[in-house]
Amino acid sequence: MKNLLISEYERTFKRKKTMIGLLIFIFVLAFECFFLYAMGGMSFYNPEHAVQLNSINTAPFFLRELGIFMYFVLIPMFVVDSFNGEYSSGALRLILIRPQNRIKVLLAKWFVQISIFLGMMIFTWVVATVFGILCMPHVEETTFYQTGVMNPFTGALYTLGFYGIAFVIIIAVIGLCSLISMIMPNPILAYAGTVVTLVGSLYIHDVFDYFLTTDSIFKVLGESQSPFYVSLLFIILISSMMNIGIWKKKQWMG
């Protein structure tokens, strides 16, 4: 398994799309710093509720702004290239002609993609926290959407919860994207299919609005949202089982 992971990391970071995507991510993050500073530290929980950023509450709002970019650009770009792109180019065939366990290959791909986005989120949290401390007003306590007063410690716990929920959503999007990549015949259709699925989920039920905006995470942390957790867990479990079933049966060598 170790060699599979090393091989997957090497192929992933040798792709131009990966490096370009990471550079764009850094640029967008830097632009976010400039934009929030130019706006005087003003952001929003949702279109109806504005908030003044400070040294405690800044980090979640960076991820709020970057969430859509990750869901609709970076995840489809990286995951489609890893699954469908390698199949179309023949790279996957070279891997599977060796005596490798198919499920381990799939797990290696998932692990690499998830770890990349985990790294992005940690980097975002570090940049946002430093930006908040250095550039936003220093406060001893603050509040978040529908919460009580929080000090720096409880504010940090809230931020950790926010990033944790966002990370689980990213795992769900990766699962859906990898599933669509296995079904669609080429990368362009796989990318388009992922976007259509994320947008179309809102027409199935309002609970899936977390695919379109991270504003819903503020609601979840502010009050009990059982349907949110149930739907998210359902998507991860179903997409994982379907991924494994298709991966085992699909004729990748053809």
C-alpha atoms as a PDB file:
ATOM      1  CA  MET A   1       0.000   0.000   0.000  1.00  0.00           C
ATOM      2  CA  LYS A   2       2.904   2.330   0.759  1.00  0.00           C
ATOM      3  CA  ASN A   3       4.273   1.985  -2.767  1.00  0.00           C
ATOM      4  CA  LEU A   4       0.815   2.611  -4.238  1.00  0.00           C
ATOM      5  CA  LEU A   5       0.523   5.836  -2.254  1.00  0.00           C
ATOM      6  CA  ILE A   6       3.990   6.996  -3.293  1.00  0.00           C
ATOM      7  CA  SER A   7       3.205   6.221  -6.927  1.00  0.00           C
ATOM      8  CA  GLU A   8      -0.138   8.043  -6.737  1.00  0.00           C
ATOM      9  CA  TYR A   9       1.457  11.119  -5.157  1.00  0.00           C
ATOM     10  CA  GLU A  10       4.168  11.160  -7.820  1.00  0.00           C
ATOM     11  CA  ARG A  11       1.695  10.954 -10.701  1.00  0.00           C
ATOM     12  CA  THR A  12      -0.585  13.536  -9.107  1.00  0.00           C
ATOM     13  CA  PHE A  13       2.103  16.161  -8.619  1.00  0.00           C
ATOM     14  CA  LYS A  14       3.639  15.547 -12.045  1.00  0.00           C
ATOM     15  CA  ARG A  15       0.397  16.635 -13.706  1.00  0.00           C
ATOM     16  CA  LYS A  16       0.319  20.217 -14.911  1.00  0.00           C
ATOM     17  CA  LYS A  17      -3.296  20.581 -13.789  1.00  0.00           C
ATOM     18  CA  THR A  18      -2.333  19.824 -10.199  1.00  0.00           C
ATOM     19  CA  MET A  19       0.428  22.409 -10.068  1.00  0.00           C
ATOM     20  CA  ILE A  20      -1.632  25.014 -11.910  1.00  0.00           C
ATOM     21  CA  GLY A  21      -4.581  24.354  -9.588  1.00  0.00           C
ATOM     22  CA  LEU A  22      -2.416  24.789  -6.490  1.00  0.00           C
ATOM     23  CA  LEU A  23      -0.945  28.031  -7.840  1.00  0.00           C
ATOM     24  CA  ILE A  24      -4.438  29.344  -8.581  1.00  0.00           C
ATOM     25  CA  PHE A  25      -5.504  28.375  -5.064  1.00  0.00           C
ATOM     26  CA  ILE A  26      -2.620  30.356  -3.543  1.00  0.00           C
ATOM     27  CA  PHE A  27      -3.462  33.323  -5.768  1.00  0.00           C
ATOM     28  CA  VAL A  28      -7.146  33.207  -4.768  1.00  0.00           C
ATOM     29  CA  LEU A  29      -6.189  32.968  -1.096  1.00  0.00           C
ATOM     30  CA  ALA A  30      -3.866  35.977  -1.438  1.00  0.00           C
ATOM     31  CA  PHE A  31      -6.605  37.887  -3.260  1.00  0.00           C
ATOM     32  CA  GLU A  32      -8.995  37.028  -0.422  1.00  0.00           C
ATOM     33  CA  CYS A  33      -6.594  38.642   2.054  1.00  0.00           C
ATOM     34  CA  PHE A  34      -6.392  41.767  -0.083  1.00  0.00           C
ATOM     35  CA  PHE A  35     -10.152  41.891  -0.668  1.00  0.00           C
ATOM     36  CA  LEU A  36     -11.125  41.529   2.996  1.00  0.00           C
ATOM     37  CA  TYR A  37      -8.533  44.096   4.026  1.00  0.00           C
ATOM     38  CA  ALA A  38      -9.745  46.537   1.366  1.00  0.00           C
ATOM     39  CA  MET A  39     -13.341  46.005   2.509  1.00  0.00           C
ATOM     40  CA  GLY A  40     -12.395  46.901   6.057  1.00  0.00           C
ATOM     41  CA  GLY A  41     -12.853  43.358   7.296  1.00  0.00           C
ATOM     42  CA  MET A  42     -16.535  43.163   6.386  1.00  0.00           C
ATOM     43  CA  SER A  43     -17.992  39.771   5.480  1.00  0.00           C
ATOM     44  CA  PHE A  44     -21.332  37.935   5.693  1.00  0.00           C
ATOM     45  CA  TYR A  45     -22.917  34.942   7.376  1.00  0.00           C
ATOM     46  CA  ASN A  46     -25.514  35.021   4.604  1.00  0.00           C
ATOM     47  CA  PRO A  47     -26.983  37.744   2.345  1.00  0.00           C
ATOM     48  CA  GLU A  48     -29.052  39.093   5.258  1.00  0.00           C
ATOM     49  CA  HIS A  49     -26.404  39.148   7.997  1.00  0.00           C
ATOM     50  CA  ALA A  50     -23.142  41.090   7.720  1.00  0.00           C
ATOM     51  CA  VAL A  51     -20.326  40.722  10.229  1.00  0.00           C
ATOM     52  CA  GLN A  52     -17.222  42.669  11.159  1.00  0.00           C
ATOM     53  CA  LEU A  53     -14.170  40.429  11.238  1.00  0.00           C
ATOM     54  CA  ASN A  54     -11.805  40.471  14.181  1.00  0.00           C
ATOM     55  CA  SER A  55      -8.847  38.577  15.597  1.00  0.00           C
ATOM     56  CA  ILE A  56     -11.052  35.648  16.696  1.00  0.00           C
ATOM     57  CA  ASN A  57     -13.675  35.116  14.000  1.00  0.00           C
ATOM     58  CA  THR A  58     -11.732  35.627  10.749  1.00  0.00           C
ATOM     59  CA  ALA A  59     -10.706  32.061   9.837  1.00  0.00           C
ATOM     60  CA  PRO A  60     -14.187  30.618   9.039  1.00  0.00           C
ATOM     61  CA  PHE A  61     -14.915  33.440   6.591  1.00  0.00           C
ATOM     62  CA  PHE A  62     -11.858  32.657   4.494  1.00  0.00           C
ATOM     63  CA  LEU A  63     -13.193  29.147   3.986  1.00  0.00           C
ATOM     64  CA  ARG A  64     -16.665  30.541   3.379  1.00  0.00           C
ATOM     65  CA  GLU A  65     -15.334  32.470   0.391  1.00  0.00           C
ATOM     66  CA  LEU A  66     -13.126  29.635  -0.898  1.00  0.00           C
ATOM     67  CA  GLY A  67     -15.680  26.828  -0.526  1.00  0.00           C
ATOM     68  CA  ILE A  68     -17.377  27.283  -3.895  1.00  0.00           C
ATOM     69  CA  PHE A  69     -14.002  27.510  -5.640  1.00  0.00           C
ATOM     70  CA  MET A  70     -12.971  24.198  -4.092  1.00  0.00           C
ATOM     71  CA  TYR A  71     -16.264  22.404  -4.774  1.00  0.00           C
ATOM     72  CA  PHE A  72     -16.753  23.523  -8.356  1.00  0.00           C
ATOM     73  CA  VAL A  73     -13.209  24.032  -9.651  1.00  0.00           C
ATOM     74  CA  LEU A  74     -10.424  22.333  -7.732  1.00  0.00           C
ATOM     75  CA  ILE A  75     -12.102  19.077  -6.677  1.00  0.00           C
ATOM     76  CA  PRO A  76     -13.500  18.297 -10.154  1.00  0.00           C
ATOM     77  CA  MET A  77     -10.169  19.328 -11.727  1.00  0.00           C
ATOM     78  CA  PHE A  78      -8.058  17.070  -9.514  1.00  0.00           C
ATOM     79  CA  VAL A  79     -10.411  14.102  -9.081  1.00  0.00           C
ATOM     80  CA  VAL A  80     -11.524  13.881 -12.714  1.00  0.00           C
ATOM     81  CA  ASP A  81      -7.886  13.995 -13.800  1.00  0.00           C
ATOM     82  CA  SER A  82      -6.995  11.253 -11.317  1.00  0.00           C
ATOM     83  CA  PHE A  83      -9.788   8.873 -12.348  1.00  0.00           C
ATOM     84  CA  ASN A  84     -11.128   9.668 -15.802  1.00  0.00           C
ATOM     85  CA  GLY A  85      -8.027  11.456 -17.072  1.00  0.00           C
ATOM     86  CA  GLU A  86      -5.749   8.520 -16.262  1.00  0.00           C
ATOM     87  CA  TYR A  87      -8.175   6.120 -17.907  1.00  0.00           C
ATOM     88  CA  SER A  88      -8.431   8.223 -21.067  1.00  0.00           C
ATOM     89  CA  SER A  89      -4.660   8.664 -21.304  1.00  0.00           C
ATOM     90  CA  GLY A  90      -3.912   4.991 -20.665  1.00  0.00           C
ATOM     91  CA  ALA A  91      -1.962   5.627 -17.450  1.00  0.00           C
ATOM     92  CA  LEU A  92      -4.457   3.655 -15.373  1.00  0.00           C
ATOM     93  CA  ARG A  93      -4.084   0.669 -17.674  1.00  0.00           C
ATOM     94  CA  LEU A  94      -0.333   0.595 -17.009  1.00  0.00           C
ATOM     95  CA  ILE A  95      -1.041   0.470 -13.280  1.00  0.00           C
ATOM     96  CA  LEU A  96      -3.698  -2.235 -13.366  1.00  0.00           C
ATOM     97  CA  ILE A  97      -1.795  -4.628 -15.657  1.00  0.00           C
ATOM     98  CA  ARG A  98       0.465  -5.196 -12.673  1.00  0.00           C
ATOM     99  CA  PRO A  99      -0.625  -7.609  -9.921  1.00  0.00           C
ATOM    100  CA  GLN A 100      -2.193  -4.850  -7.825  1.00  0.00           C
ATOM    101  CA  ASN A 101      -5.261  -5.161  -5.663  1.00  0.00           C
ATOM    102  CA  ARG A 102      -7.890  -2.986  -7.368  1.00  0.00           C
ATOM    103  CA  ILE A 103      -9.459  -1.820  -4.137  1.00  0.00           C
ATOM    104  CA  LYS A 104      -6.070  -0.729  -2.800  1.00  0.00           C
ATOM    105  CA  VAL A 105      -5.515   1.328  -5.950  1.00  0.00           C
ATOM    106  CA  LEU A 106      -8.907   3.002  -5.432  1.00  0.00           C
ATOM    107  CA  LEU A 107      -8.171   3.653  -1.745  1.00  0.00           C
ATOM    108  CA  ALA A 108      -4.792   5.138  -2.668  1.00  0.00           C
ATOM    109  CA  LYS A 109      -6.477   7.548  -5.082  1.00  0.00           C
ATOM    110  CA  TRP A 110      -9.042   8.586  -2.485  1.00  0.00           C
ATOM    111  CA  PHE A 111      -6.386   9.010   0.202  1.00  0.00           C
ATOM    112  CA  VAL A 112      -4.193  11.194  -2.002  1.00  0.00           C
ATOM    113  CA  GLN A 113      -7.060  13.438  -3.101  1.00  0.00           C
ATOM    114  CA  ILE A 114      -8.418  13.795   0.433  1.00  0.00           C
ATOM    115  CA  SER A 115      -4.964  14.525   1.851  1.00  0.00           C
ATOM    116  CA  ILE A 116      -4.344  17.248  -0.757  1.00  0.00           C
ATOM    117  CA  PHE A 117      -7.513  19.081   0.201  1.00  0.00           C
ATOM    118  CA  LEU A 118      -6.819  18.550   3.892  1.00  0.00           C
ATOM    119  CA  GLY A 119      -3.480  20.266   3.315  1.00  0.00           C
ATOM    120  CA  MET A 120      -5.223  23.137   1.534  1.00  0.00           C
ATOM    121  CA  MET A 121      -7.632  23.590   4.424  1.00  0.00           C
ATOM    122  CA  ILE A 122      -4.853  23.583   7.020  1.00  0.00           C
ATOM    123  CA  PHE A 123      -2.932  26.133   4.936  1.00  0.00           C
ATOM    124  CA  THR A 124      -6.067  28.266   4.644  1.00  0.00           C
ATOM    125  CA  TRP A 125      -6.651  28.093   8.402  1.00  0.00           C
ATOM    126  CA  VAL A 126      -3.051  29.150   9.146  1.00  0.00           C
ATOM    127  CA  VAL A 127      -3.142  32.066   6.683  1.00  0.00           C
ATOM    128  CA  ALA A 128      -6.588  33.203   7.857  1.00  0.00           C
ATOM    129  CA  THR A 129      -5.649  33.006  11.536  1.00  0.00           C
ATOM    130  CA  VAL A 130      -2.452  34.992  11.037  1.00  0.00           C
ATOM    131  CA  PHE A 131      -4.311  37.502   8.858  1.00  0.00           C
ATOM    132  CA  GLY A 132      -6.983  37.930  11.536  1.00  0.00           C
ATOM    133  CA  ILE A 133      -4.448  38.479  14.303  1.00  0.00           C
ATOM    134  CA  LEU A 134      -2.274  40.900  12.330  1.00  0.00           C
ATOM    135  CA  CYS A 135      -4.783  42.803  10.204  1.00  0.00           C
ATOM    136  CA  MET A 136      -8.134  42.713  11.996  1.00  0.00           C
ATOM    137  CA  PRO A 137      -9.131  44.470  15.243  1.00  0.00           C
ATOM    138  CA  HIS A 138      -7.969  42.675  18.367  1.00  0.00           C
ATOM    139  CA  VAL A 139     -10.836  41.589  20.638  1.00  0.00           C
ATOM    140  CA  GLU A 140     -11.132  39.521  23.795  1.00  0.00           C
ATOM    141  CA  GLU A 141     -14.495  37.985  22.880  1.00  0.00           C
ATOM    142  CA  THR A 142     -16.853  37.701  19.922  1.00  0.00           C
ATOM    143  CA  THR A 143     -19.986  35.942  18.698  1.00  0.00           C
ATOM    144  CA  PHE A 144     -20.776  33.840  15.662  1.00  0.00           C
ATOM    145  CA  TYR A 145     -24.094  33.225  13.918  1.00  0.00           C
ATOM    146  CA  GLN A 146     -26.695  32.272  16.553  1.00  0.00           C
ATOM    147  CA  THR A 147     -24.086  31.597  19.247  1.00  0.00           C
ATOM    148  CA  GLY A 148     -23.276  33.063  22.615  1.00  0.00           C
ATOM    149  CA  VAL A 149     -20.207  35.093  23.463  1.00  0.00           C
ATOM    150  CA  MET A 150     -16.923  33.278  22.826  1.00  0.00           C
ATOM    151  CA  ASN A 151     -13.390  33.956  24.032  1.00  0.00           C
ATOM    152  CA  PRO A 152     -10.296  33.142  21.918  1.00  0.00           C
ATOM    153  CA  PHE A 153     -10.282  29.500  23.075  1.00  0.00           C
ATOM    154  CA  THR A 154     -13.961  28.751  22.425  1.00  0.00           C
ATOM    155  CA  GLY A 155     -13.707  30.749  19.195  1.00  0.00           C
ATOM    156  CA  ALA A 156     -10.856  28.479  18.111  1.00  0.00           C
ATOM    157  CA  LEU A 157     -13.003  25.418  18.902  1.00  0.00           C
ATOM    158  CA  TYR A 158     -15.831  26.892  16.816  1.00  0.00           C
ATOM    159  CA  THR A 159     -13.412  27.449  13.934  1.00  0.00           C
ATOM    160  CA  LEU A 160     -12.156  23.880  14.259  1.00  0.00           C
ATOM    161  CA  GLY A 161     -15.746  22.633  14.053  1.00  0.00           C
ATOM    162  CA  PHE A 162     -16.397  24.813  11.012  1.00  0.00           C
ATOM    163  CA  TYR A 163     -13.361  23.496   9.169  1.00  0.00           C
ATOM    164  CA  GLY A 164     -14.138  19.939  10.244  1.00  0.00           C
ATOM    165  CA  ILE A 165     -17.651  20.047   8.785  1.00  0.00           C
ATOM    166  CA  ALA A 166     -16.341  21.687   5.614  1.00  0.00           C
ATOM    167  CA  PHE A 167     -13.788  18.888   5.309  1.00  0.00           C
ATOM    168  CA  VAL A 168     -16.510  16.226   5.543  1.00  0.00           C
ATOM    169  CA  ILE A 169     -18.398  18.040   2.768  1.00  0.00           C
ATOM    170  CA  ILE A 170     -15.227  17.970   0.677  1.00  0.00           C
ATOM    171  CA  ILE A 171     -14.984  14.201   1.218  1.00  0.00           C
ATOM    172  CA  ALA A 172     -18.587  13.876  -0.005  1.00  0.00           C
ATOM    173  CA  VAL A 173     -17.842  15.951  -3.115  1.00  0.00           C
ATOM    174  CA  ILE A 174     -14.739  13.869  -3.835  1.00  0.00           C
ATOM    175  CA  GLY A 175     -16.856  10.709  -3.550  1.00  0.00           C
ATOM    176  CA  LEU A 176     -19.480  12.031  -5.948  1.00  0.00           C
ATOM    177  CA  CYS A 177     -16.859  13.314  -8.375  1.00  0.00           C
ATOM    178  CA  SER A 178     -14.942  10.020  -8.451  1.00  0.00           C
ATOM    179  CA  LEU A 179     -18.205   8.142  -9.035  1.00  0.00           C
ATOM    180  CA  ILE A 180     -19.179  10.387 -11.937  1.00  0.00           C
ATOM    181  CA  SER A 181     -15.647  10.097 -13.348  1.00  0.00           C
ATOM    182  CA  MET A 182     -16.030   6.314 -13.488  1.00  0.00           C
ATOM    183  CA  ILE A 183     -19.372   6.562 -15.269  1.00  0.00           C
ATOM    184  CA  MET A 184     -18.659   9.299 -17.809  1.00  0.00           C
ATOM    185  CA  PRO A 185     -16.650   8.413 -20.949  1.00  0.00           C
ATOM    186  CA  ASN A 186     -14.273  11.408 -20.939  1.00  0.00           C
ATOM    187  CA  PRO A 187     -12.923  14.118 -18.577  1.00  0.00           C
ATOM    188  CA  ILE A 188     -14.999  16.968 -20.026  1.00  0.00           C
ATOM    189  CA  LEU A 189     -18.282  15.128 -19.484  1.00  0.00           C
ATOM    190  CA  ALA A 190     -17.121  14.005 -16.031  1.00  0.00           C
ATOM    191  CA  TYR A 191     -16.371  17.591 -15.030  1.00  0.00           C
ATOM    192  CA  ALA A 192     -19.687  18.833 -16.412  1.00  0.00           C
ATOM    193  CA  GLY A 193     -21.514  15.940 -14.759  1.00  0.00           C
ATOM    194  CA  THR A 194     -20.025  16.820 -11.376  1.00  0.00           C
ATOM    195  CA  VAL A 195     -21.089  20.458 -11.643  1.00  0.00           C
ATOM    196  CA  VAL A 196     -24.586  19.507 -12.793  1.00  0.00           C
ATOM    197  CA  THR A 197     -24.927  17.017  -9.929  1.00  0.00           C
ATOM    198  CA  LEU A 198     -23.889  19.548  -7.285  1.00  0.00           C
ATOM    199  CA  VAL A 199     -26.210  22.229  -8.632  1.00  0.00           C
ATOM    200  CA  GLY A 200     -29.037  19.799  -9.320  1.00  0.00           C
ATOM    201  CA  SER A 201     -28.935  18.427  -5.766  1.00  0.00           C
ATOM    202  CA  LEU A 202     -30.554  21.647  -4.558  1.00  0.00           C
ATOM    203  CA  TYR A 203     -33.607  20.853  -6.692  1.00  0.00           C
ATOM    204  CA  ILE A 204     -33.919  17.493  -4.931  1.00  0.00           C
ATOM    205  CA  HIS A 205     -34.005  18.995  -1.429  1.00  0.00           C
ATOM    206  CA  ASP A 206     -32.977  22.230   0.274  1.00  0.00           C
ATOM    207  CA  VAL A 207     -30.798  20.282   2.701  1.00  0.00           C
ATOM    208  CA  PHE A 208     -28.199  19.882  -0.048  1.00  0.00           C
ATOM    209  CA  ASP A 209     -27.505  23.612  -0.195  1.00  0.00           C
ATOM    210  CA  TYR A 210     -24.171  22.917   1.524  1.00  0.00           C
ATOM    211  CA  PHE A 211     -22.859  21.937  -1.920  1.00  0.00           C
ATOM    212  CA  LEU A 212     -23.502  25.464  -3.169  1.00  0.00           C
ATOM    213  CA  THR A 213     -22.535  27.586  -0.173  1.00  0.00           C
ATOM    214  CA  THR A 214     -20.690  27.169   3.112  1.00  0.00           C
ATOM    215  CA  ASP A 215     -23.225  29.518   4.749  1.00  0.00           C
ATOM    216  CA  SER A 216     -25.114  26.400   5.809  1.00  0.00           C
ATOM    217  CA  ILE A 217     -22.246  25.446   8.135  1.00  0.00           C
ATOM    218  CA  PHE A 218     -22.925  28.547  10.231  1.00  0.00           C
ATOM    219  CA  LYS A 219     -26.547  27.399  10.568  1.00  0.00           C
ATOM    220  CA  VAL A 220     -25.475  23.897  11.580  1.00  0.00           C
ATOM    221  CA  LEU A 221     -23.139  25.197  14.262  1.00  0.00           C
ATOM    222  CA  GLY A 222     -25.740  27.677  15.482  1.00  0.00           C
ATOM    223  CA  GLU A 223     -28.590  25.194  15.910  1.00  0.00           C
ATOM    224  CA  SER A 224     -29.332  21.475  15.630  1.00  0.00           C
ATOM    225  CA  GLN A 225     -29.480  20.320  12.005  1.00  0.00           C
ATOM    226  CA  SER A 226     -30.022  16.553  11.993  1.00  0.00           C
ATOM    227  CA  PRO A 227     -31.038  16.367   8.275  1.00  0.00           C
ATOM    228  CA  PHE A 228     -27.705  17.982   7.383  1.00  0.00           C
ATOM    229  CA  TYR A 229     -25.652  15.246   9.045  1.00  0.00           C
ATOM    230  CA  VAL A 230     -27.916  12.422   7.867  1.00  0.00           C
ATOM    231  CA  SER A 231     -27.827  13.554   4.227  1.00  0.00           C
ATOM    232  CA  LEU A 232     -24.065  14.071   4.292  1.00  0.00           C
ATOM    233  CA  LEU A 233     -23.416  10.642   5.807  1.00  0.00           C
ATOM    234  CA  PHE A 234     -25.840   9.075   3.332  1.00  0.00           C
ATOM    235  CA  ILE A 235     -24.020  10.591   0.347  1.00  0.00           C
ATOM    236  CA  ILE A 236     -20.604   9.480   1.594  1.00  0.00           C
ATOM    237  CA  LEU A 237     -21.749   5.898   2.267  1.00  0.00           C
ATOM    238  CA  ILE A 238     -23.730   5.455  -0.958  1.00  0.00           C
ATOM    239  CA  SER A 239     -21.102   7.047  -3.190  1.00  0.00           C
ATOM    240  CA  SER A 240     -18.376   4.937  -1.551  1.00  0.00           C
ATOM    241  CA  MET A 241     -20.272   1.674  -2.083  1.00  0.00           C
ATOM    242  CA  MET A 242     -21.097   2.560  -5.689  1.00  0.00           C
ATOM    243  CA  ASN A 243     -17.511   3.625  -6.327  1.00  0.00           C
ATOM    244  CA  ILE A 244     -16.186   0.305  -5.052  1.00  0.00           C
ATOM    245  CA  GLY A 245     -18.776  -1.719  -6.981  1.00  0.00           C
ATOM    246  CA  ILE A 246     -18.112   0.023 -10.300  1.00  0.00           C
ATOM    247  CA  TRP A 247     -14.347   0.091  -9.793  1.00  0.00           C
ATOM    248  CA  LYS A 248     -14.236  -3.678  -9.243  1.00  0.00           C
ATOM    249  CA  LYS A 249     -16.389  -4.524 -12.261  1.00  0.00           C
ATOM    250  CA  LYS A 250     -15.409  -1.906 -14.828  1.00  0.00           C
ATOM    251  CA  GLN A 251     -13.138  -3.064 -17.651  1.00  0.00           C
ATOM    252  CA  TRP A 252     -10.381  -0.520 -17.104  1.00  0.00           C
ATOM    253  CA  MET A 253      -8.055  -2.489 -19.339  1.00  0.00           C
ATOM    254  CA  GLY A 254     -10.246  -2.157 -22.424  1.00  0.00           C
END
